[in-house]
Amino acid sequence: MNLRTHDVMRTARAPAKLNLFLEITGRRGDGFHELESLMVPIRLADTLTLAATSAGVDGQSGDIRLEAHSCFPLRSTQQSAALPTDANNLVVRALRLLQQRSDCRFGASVALAKRIPVAAGLGGGSSDAAAALRLANRAWRLDWPVEPLAELAAELGSDVPFFLSNGPAVCRGRGERVEPVRGLPALHFVIVKPPVDLSTSDVYRAHDARPESALGARRLDAPLAELASARWNGVGHWLHNRLQAAAASLTPWVHRIRSVFDEFDFVGHQLSGSGSAYFGVCRHARHARRLASILRTRQLGLVYATRSCQ
């Protein structure tokens, strides 16, 4: 996450993520699922700007003010969707939680430029929350190390701890156990976000109701061994998302986009997270740009050509 400081204002890019591997390994006593996922941050990113504001009166914490606007193409349905600026936005919840746990009396004024589609399995809200934690940690002069910030991140959402790390990682548990994966080459992707949103909770419920949810889980051992040997040519053989079938049962868009991707020479392709965004792995940047250009003529939704962040 790149941070820039201008006087009292600080700015961060909050990257999206893709799940190259996502397996459900069990059900927890608290109702959540045990996961094992290989996640990579990508250059598609939101931008947050935060400035510390004065403390509240009578010892109260200062206000958290958020302004949010979309940066999507004008024809996108995402453009007209109102972005929440209250406690329904994970940025506000993250900052209030940090205020409470640090006993901080400063407030914050935050501007969010939204480029990552919502309800897409790309982790935009989680990334925004992690960026807000990092920015406020500096702006409020808390100087907390990563570990206590990660504890707060885990309370906010399963993907938030990942975005406090830099680069690809294997995430386990609910997502709070983050193990960085070093030395990976850059990967190039094409992403399609269809004109339909998917609720993460709805997708997990659909997964639990499917007979195959009881099948044995795949393991990440073999993909990690290939990664350690830099054998990226075989990535298409081990891409895996256990939630894809459940998401496909909720919307025909998953099968439709998969069928279109099958027409082209992607290294591999699948759903990201709980969807609805679908991505393909490309051989290089030119390959990604060419396929993205073609897919934009197919009226599938928003189309991005991007690459992983290292």
Protein backbone atom coordinates (compact mmCIF):
# COMPACT_ATOMS: atom_id res chain seq x y z
CA MET A 1 0.00 0.00 0.00
CA ASN A 2 1.61 3.25 -1.14
CA LEU A 3 1.29 6.17 1.30
CA ARG A 4 1.90 9.83 0.50
CA THR A 5 1.92 12.72 2.96
CA HIS A 6 0.88 16.29 2.10
CA ASP A 7 0.88 18.52 5.21
CA VAL A 8 -1.79 16.95 7.45
CA MET A 9 -3.40 14.97 4.64
CA ARG A 10 -2.37 11.42 3.85
CA THR A 11 -3.33 9.39 0.79
CA ALA A 12 -3.31 5.64 0.18
CA ARG A 13 -4.12 3.39 -2.74
CA ALA A 14 -6.30 0.49 -1.60
CA PRO A 15 -5.82 -2.38 -4.07
CA ALA A 16 -8.35 -5.02 -5.05
CA LYS A 17 -7.50 -8.72 -4.74
CA LEU A 18 -8.02 -11.93 -6.66
CA ASN A 19 -8.31 -15.41 -5.19
CA LEU A 20 -6.16 -17.78 -7.23
CA PHE A 21 -7.12 -20.60 -4.89
CA LEU A 22 -10.05 -20.72 -2.46
CA GLU A 23 -11.06 -23.80 -0.51
CA ILE A 24 -13.52 -24.27 2.34
CA THR A 25 -11.83 -26.62 4.80
CA GLY A 26 -14.49 -26.72 7.52
CA ARG A 27 -17.18 -24.97 9.53
CA ARG A 28 -16.33 -23.13 12.73
CA GLY A 29 -18.26 -23.14 15.97
CA ASP A 30 -18.96 -19.42 15.56
CA GLY A 31 -20.79 -20.04 12.28
CA PHE A 32 -17.98 -18.86 10.01
CA HIS A 33 -16.07 -21.08 7.61
CA GLU A 34 -12.46 -22.22 7.75
CA LEU A 35 -10.68 -21.10 4.59
CA GLU A 36 -7.45 -21.69 2.76
CA SER A 37 -6.83 -19.15 0.03
CA LEU A 38 -4.01 -17.82 -2.11
CA MET A 39 -4.69 -14.14 -2.67
CA VAL A 40 -2.86 -11.56 -4.75
CA PRO A 41 -3.35 -7.77 -4.68
CA ILE A 42 -3.81 -6.11 -8.07
CA ARG A 43 -3.33 -2.63 -9.50
CA LEU A 44 -7.04 -1.91 -9.74
CA ALA A 45 -7.43 0.25 -6.63
CA ASP A 46 -9.53 2.74 -4.70
CA THR A 47 -7.94 5.92 -3.31
CA LEU A 48 -8.37 7.22 0.23
CA THR A 49 -7.30 10.60 1.51
CA LEU A 50 -7.46 11.19 5.26
CA ALA A 51 -6.83 14.24 7.41
CA ALA A 52 -6.88 14.25 11.20
CA THR A 53 -9.42 16.62 12.71
CA SER A 54 -9.72 18.09 16.19
CA ALA A 55 -10.80 16.15 19.24
CA GLY A 56 -14.40 16.22 20.36
CA VAL A 57 -15.67 18.42 23.16
CA ASP A 58 -15.97 17.20 26.76
CA GLY A 59 -13.48 14.41 26.17
CA GLN A 60 -15.47 12.83 23.38
CA SER A 61 -13.83 11.36 20.30
CA GLY A 62 -13.85 13.54 17.19
CA ASP A 63 -16.26 13.02 14.33
CA ILE A 64 -15.55 10.67 11.44
CA ARG A 65 -16.64 12.31 8.20
CA LEU A 66 -16.53 10.36 4.95
CA GLU A 67 -17.15 11.64 1.43
CA ALA A 68 -17.29 8.94 -1.24
CA HIS A 69 -17.69 9.12 -4.99
CA SER A 70 -17.61 6.60 -7.82
CA CYS A 71 -15.04 6.68 -10.60
CA PHE A 72 -16.74 4.11 -12.84
CA PRO A 73 -17.57 4.63 -16.54
CA LEU A 74 -20.71 6.69 -17.00
CA ARG A 75 -22.57 3.78 -18.58
CA SER A 76 -21.91 1.54 -15.59
CA THR A 77 -24.78 0.78 -13.21
CA GLN A 78 -22.22 1.14 -10.41
CA GLN A 79 -21.96 4.84 -11.25
CA SER A 80 -25.48 5.62 -10.05
CA ALA A 81 -25.32 3.48 -6.91
CA ALA A 82 -25.08 5.59 -3.77
CA LEU A 83 -22.03 4.80 -1.67
CA PRO A 84 -22.73 4.68 2.08
CA THR A 85 -20.90 7.28 4.15
CA ASP A 86 -22.15 6.22 7.60
CA ALA A 87 -21.47 3.15 9.75
CA ASN A 88 -22.60 0.98 6.83
CA ASN A 89 -19.25 1.80 5.25
CA LEU A 90 -16.38 -0.33 6.54
CA VAL A 91 -14.06 2.70 6.50
CA VAL A 92 -16.18 4.45 9.13
CA ARG A 93 -16.43 1.29 11.24
CA ALA A 94 -12.66 0.78 11.05
CA LEU A 95 -11.89 4.31 12.19
CA ARG A 96 -14.40 4.22 15.03
CA LEU A 97 -13.01 0.90 16.22
CA LEU A 98 -9.47 2.32 16.19
CA GLN A 99 -10.69 5.38 18.12
CA GLN A 100 -12.27 3.18 20.78
CA ARG A 101 -9.36 0.76 21.24
CA SER A 102 -6.68 3.47 21.23
CA ASP A 103 -8.70 5.94 23.32
CA CYS A 104 -7.93 8.49 20.63
CA ARG A 105 -9.81 11.79 20.74
CA PHE A 106 -8.95 12.96 17.22
CA GLY A 107 -11.46 12.72 14.41
CA ALA A 108 -10.93 12.23 10.69
CA SER A 109 -12.08 13.67 7.40
CA VAL A 110 -11.87 11.02 4.67
CA ALA A 111 -12.38 11.19 0.91
CA LEU A 112 -12.88 7.88 -0.90
CA ALA A 113 -12.57 7.57 -4.68
CA LYS A 114 -14.18 4.25 -5.56
CA ARG A 115 -12.83 2.31 -8.56
CA ILE A 116 -13.20 -1.27 -7.32
CA PRO A 117 -16.69 -2.62 -8.06
CA VAL A 118 -18.72 -3.54 -4.99
CA ALA A 119 -20.24 -6.98 -4.25
CA ALA A 120 -17.74 -8.46 -6.69
CA GLY A 121 -15.44 -10.67 -4.62
CA LEU A 122 -12.57 -8.22 -5.17
CA GLY A 123 -12.25 -7.08 -1.55
CA GLY A 124 -12.74 -3.37 -2.18
CA GLY A 125 -14.45 -2.57 1.12
CA SER A 126 -11.94 -4.63 3.10
CA SER A 127 -9.03 -2.94 1.36
CA ASP A 128 -10.52 0.49 2.07
CA ALA A 129 -10.84 -0.41 5.76
CA ALA A 130 -7.22 -1.57 5.96
CA ALA A 131 -6.05 1.61 4.25
CA ALA A 132 -8.08 3.70 6.70
CA LEU A 133 -6.47 1.91 9.66
CA ARG A 134 -2.98 2.57 8.34
CA LEU A 135 -3.66 6.21 7.48
CA ALA A 136 -5.30 7.00 10.82
CA ASN A 137 -2.52 5.18 12.70
CA ARG A 138 -0.12 7.75 11.25
CA ALA A 139 -2.38 10.80 11.19
CA TRP A 140 -3.38 10.31 14.84
CA ARG A 141 0.28 9.63 15.79
CA LEU A 142 -0.61 6.29 17.38
CA ASP A 143 2.36 4.50 15.78
CA TRP A 144 0.89 1.07 16.46
CA PRO A 145 2.82 -1.86 14.95
CA VAL A 146 1.10 -4.09 12.43
CA GLU A 147 0.13 -6.81 14.93
CA PRO A 148 -2.49 -4.86 16.95
CA LEU A 149 -3.82 -3.30 13.74
CA ALA A 150 -4.23 -6.82 12.36
CA GLU A 151 -6.26 -7.79 15.42
CA LEU A 152 -8.66 -4.93 14.73
CA ALA A 153 -8.71 -5.86 11.05
CA ALA A 154 -9.81 -9.41 11.88
CA GLU A 155 -12.77 -8.02 13.83
CA LEU A 156 -13.86 -5.95 10.85
CA GLY A 157 -13.90 -8.69 8.21
CA SER A 158 -12.25 -11.84 6.91
CA ASP A 159 -10.29 -10.13 4.11
CA VAL A 160 -9.15 -7.03 6.00
CA PRO A 161 -6.00 -8.57 7.57
CA PHE A 162 -4.73 -9.58 4.12
CA PHE A 163 -4.67 -5.96 3.01
CA LEU A 164 -2.41 -4.97 5.89
CA SER A 165 0.26 -7.19 4.36
CA ASN A 166 2.16 -6.22 1.24
CA GLY A 167 1.89 -8.60 -1.69
CA PRO A 168 0.56 -12.12 -2.26
CA ALA A 169 -0.29 -14.27 0.75
CA VAL A 170 -1.91 -17.49 1.86
CA CYS A 171 -4.81 -16.76 4.21
CA ARG A 172 -6.24 -19.36 6.58
CA GLY A 173 -8.79 -19.54 9.38
CA ARG A 174 -11.43 -16.90 8.69
CA GLY A 175 -8.70 -15.12 6.76
CA GLU A 176 -6.95 -13.67 9.79
CA ARG A 177 -3.91 -15.97 9.57
CA VAL A 178 -1.85 -14.36 6.82
CA GLU A 179 1.35 -15.94 5.50
CA PRO A 180 3.15 -13.83 2.87
CA VAL A 181 4.32 -15.59 -0.28
CA ARG A 182 7.56 -14.07 -1.56
CA GLY A 183 9.25 -14.05 -4.93
CA LEU A 184 6.26 -14.41 -7.22
CA PRO A 185 6.52 -12.99 -10.74
CA ALA A 186 3.99 -10.45 -11.95
CA LEU A 187 0.75 -11.95 -13.21
CA HIS A 188 -1.51 -10.31 -15.77
CA PHE A 189 -5.28 -10.55 -15.64
CA VAL A 190 -8.51 -9.66 -17.37
CA ILE A 191 -11.45 -9.13 -15.01
CA VAL A 192 -15.13 -8.92 -15.91
CA LYS A 193 -17.66 -7.54 -13.42
CA PRO A 194 -21.13 -8.40 -14.76
CA PRO A 195 -24.17 -6.19 -14.06
CA VAL A 196 -25.20 -8.26 -11.05
CA ASP A 197 -24.08 -8.18 -7.42
CA LEU A 198 -23.63 -11.19 -5.16
CA SER A 199 -23.94 -11.15 -1.38
CA THR A 200 -21.14 -13.07 0.33
CA SER A 201 -23.56 -14.46 2.93
CA ASP A 202 -25.96 -15.63 0.21
CA VAL A 203 -23.16 -17.43 -1.62
CA TYR A 204 -21.98 -19.20 1.53
CA ARG A 205 -25.54 -20.29 2.34
CA ALA A 206 -25.89 -21.65 -1.19
CA HIS A 207 -22.57 -23.47 -0.78
CA ASP A 208 -23.66 -25.08 2.50
CA ALA A 209 -26.88 -26.29 0.88
CA ARG A 210 -25.09 -28.06 -1.98
CA PRO A 211 -24.24 -31.79 -1.66
CA GLU A 212 -20.64 -31.21 -2.80
CA SER A 213 -20.02 -28.98 0.21
CA ALA A 214 -19.29 -32.19 2.13
CA LEU A 215 -16.66 -33.38 -0.34
CA GLY A 216 -13.01 -33.55 0.65
CA ALA A 217 -11.16 -30.28 0.39
CA ARG A 218 -8.37 -29.66 -2.08
CA ARG A 219 -5.06 -28.67 -0.60
CA LEU A 220 -2.81 -25.77 -1.50
CA ASP A 221 0.42 -27.77 -1.09
CA ALA A 222 0.95 -28.56 -4.79
CA PRO A 223 0.28 -25.00 -6.02
CA LEU A 224 2.65 -23.59 -3.41
CA ALA A 225 5.34 -26.04 -4.50
CA GLU A 226 4.91 -24.89 -8.09
CA LEU A 227 5.10 -21.28 -6.98
CA ALA A 228 8.32 -21.96 -5.10
CA SER A 229 9.77 -23.38 -8.33
CA ALA A 230 8.43 -20.47 -10.40
CA ARG A 231 6.42 -22.86 -12.59
CA TRP A 232 3.67 -20.42 -13.48
CA ASN A 233 2.87 -22.05 -16.82
CA GLY A 234 0.77 -24.61 -14.98
CA VAL A 235 -1.34 -22.09 -13.08
CA GLY A 236 -4.42 -22.95 -15.13
CA HIS A 237 -4.35 -26.53 -13.83
CA TRP A 238 -4.62 -25.62 -10.16
CA LEU A 239 -6.82 -22.52 -10.15
CA HIS A 240 -9.66 -23.40 -7.80
CA ASN A 241 -12.63 -21.67 -6.18
CA ARG A 242 -14.92 -23.85 -4.07
CA LEU A 243 -17.57 -21.09 -4.05
CA GLN A 244 -17.96 -20.88 -7.83
CA ALA A 245 -20.66 -23.55 -8.12
CA ALA A 246 -22.67 -21.91 -5.35
CA ALA A 247 -22.39 -18.49 -6.99
CA ALA A 248 -23.42 -20.00 -10.35
CA SER A 249 -26.57 -21.37 -8.71
CA LEU A 250 -27.59 -17.81 -7.80
CA THR A 251 -27.00 -16.09 -11.15
CA PRO A 252 -26.64 -17.27 -14.77
CA TRP A 253 -23.89 -14.69 -15.30
CA VAL A 254 -21.19 -17.00 -13.92
CA HIS A 255 -21.85 -19.68 -16.55
CA ARG A 256 -22.28 -17.06 -19.25
CA ILE A 257 -18.92 -15.41 -18.59
CA ARG A 258 -17.19 -18.76 -18.14
CA SER A 259 -18.47 -19.87 -21.56
CA VAL A 260 -17.16 -16.68 -23.17
CA PHE A 261 -13.76 -17.05 -21.50
CA ASP A 262 -13.58 -20.64 -22.80
CA GLU A 263 -13.50 -19.20 -26.33
CA PHE A 264 -10.14 -17.53 -25.71
CA ASP A 265 -6.61 -18.61 -24.90
CA PHE A 266 -6.50 -17.70 -21.22
CA VAL A 267 -3.96 -19.59 -19.14
CA GLY A 268 -6.86 -20.26 -16.76
CA HIS A 269 -9.97 -18.52 -15.48
CA GLN A 270 -12.44 -18.59 -12.56
CA LEU A 271 -14.56 -16.57 -10.14
CA SER A 272 -12.86 -14.37 -7.54
CA GLY A 273 -13.99 -14.85 -3.95
CA SER A 274 -17.77 -15.10 -3.70
CA GLY A 275 -18.19 -13.20 -6.97
CA SER A 276 -19.60 -11.79 -9.09
CA ALA A 277 -16.30 -10.72 -10.72
CA TYR A 278 -14.69 -13.34 -12.98
CA PHE A 279 -11.04 -13.24 -14.06
CA GLY A 280 -8.66 -14.86 -16.50
CA VAL A 281 -4.88 -15.26 -16.19
CA CYS A 282 -2.95 -14.01 -19.22
CA ARG A 283 0.57 -14.69 -20.48
CA HIS A 284 1.70 -11.03 -20.50
CA ALA A 285 0.39 -7.47 -20.49
CA ARG A 286 -0.17 -7.33 -24.26
CA HIS A 287 -2.16 -10.56 -24.10
CA ALA A 288 -4.34 -9.08 -21.33
CA ARG A 289 -4.96 -5.84 -23.23
CA ARG A 290 -5.92 -7.72 -26.40
CA LEU A 291 -8.40 -10.01 -24.66
CA ALA A 292 -9.88 -7.15 -22.63
CA SER A 293 -10.44 -5.18 -25.82
CA ILE A 294 -12.34 -8.09 -27.35
CA LEU A 295 -14.40 -8.75 -24.22
CA ARG A 296 -15.53 -5.13 -24.06
CA THR A 297 -17.50 -5.78 -27.27
CA ARG A 298 -19.43 -8.66 -25.66
CA GLN A 299 -21.59 -6.54 -23.32
CA LEU A 300 -20.63 -8.50 -20.23
CA GLY A 301 -20.20 -5.54 -17.89
CA LEU A 302 -17.10 -3.72 -16.69
CA VAL A 303 -13.85 -5.11 -18.13
CA TYR A 304 -10.38 -4.46 -16.72
CA ALA A 305 -6.87 -5.42 -17.82
CA THR A 306 -4.56 -5.30 -14.83
CA ARG A 307 -1.63 -7.01 -13.12
CA SER A 308 -0.64 -8.19 -9.69
CA CYS A 309 1.15 -5.98 -7.16
CA GLN A 310 4.42 -7.31 -5.78
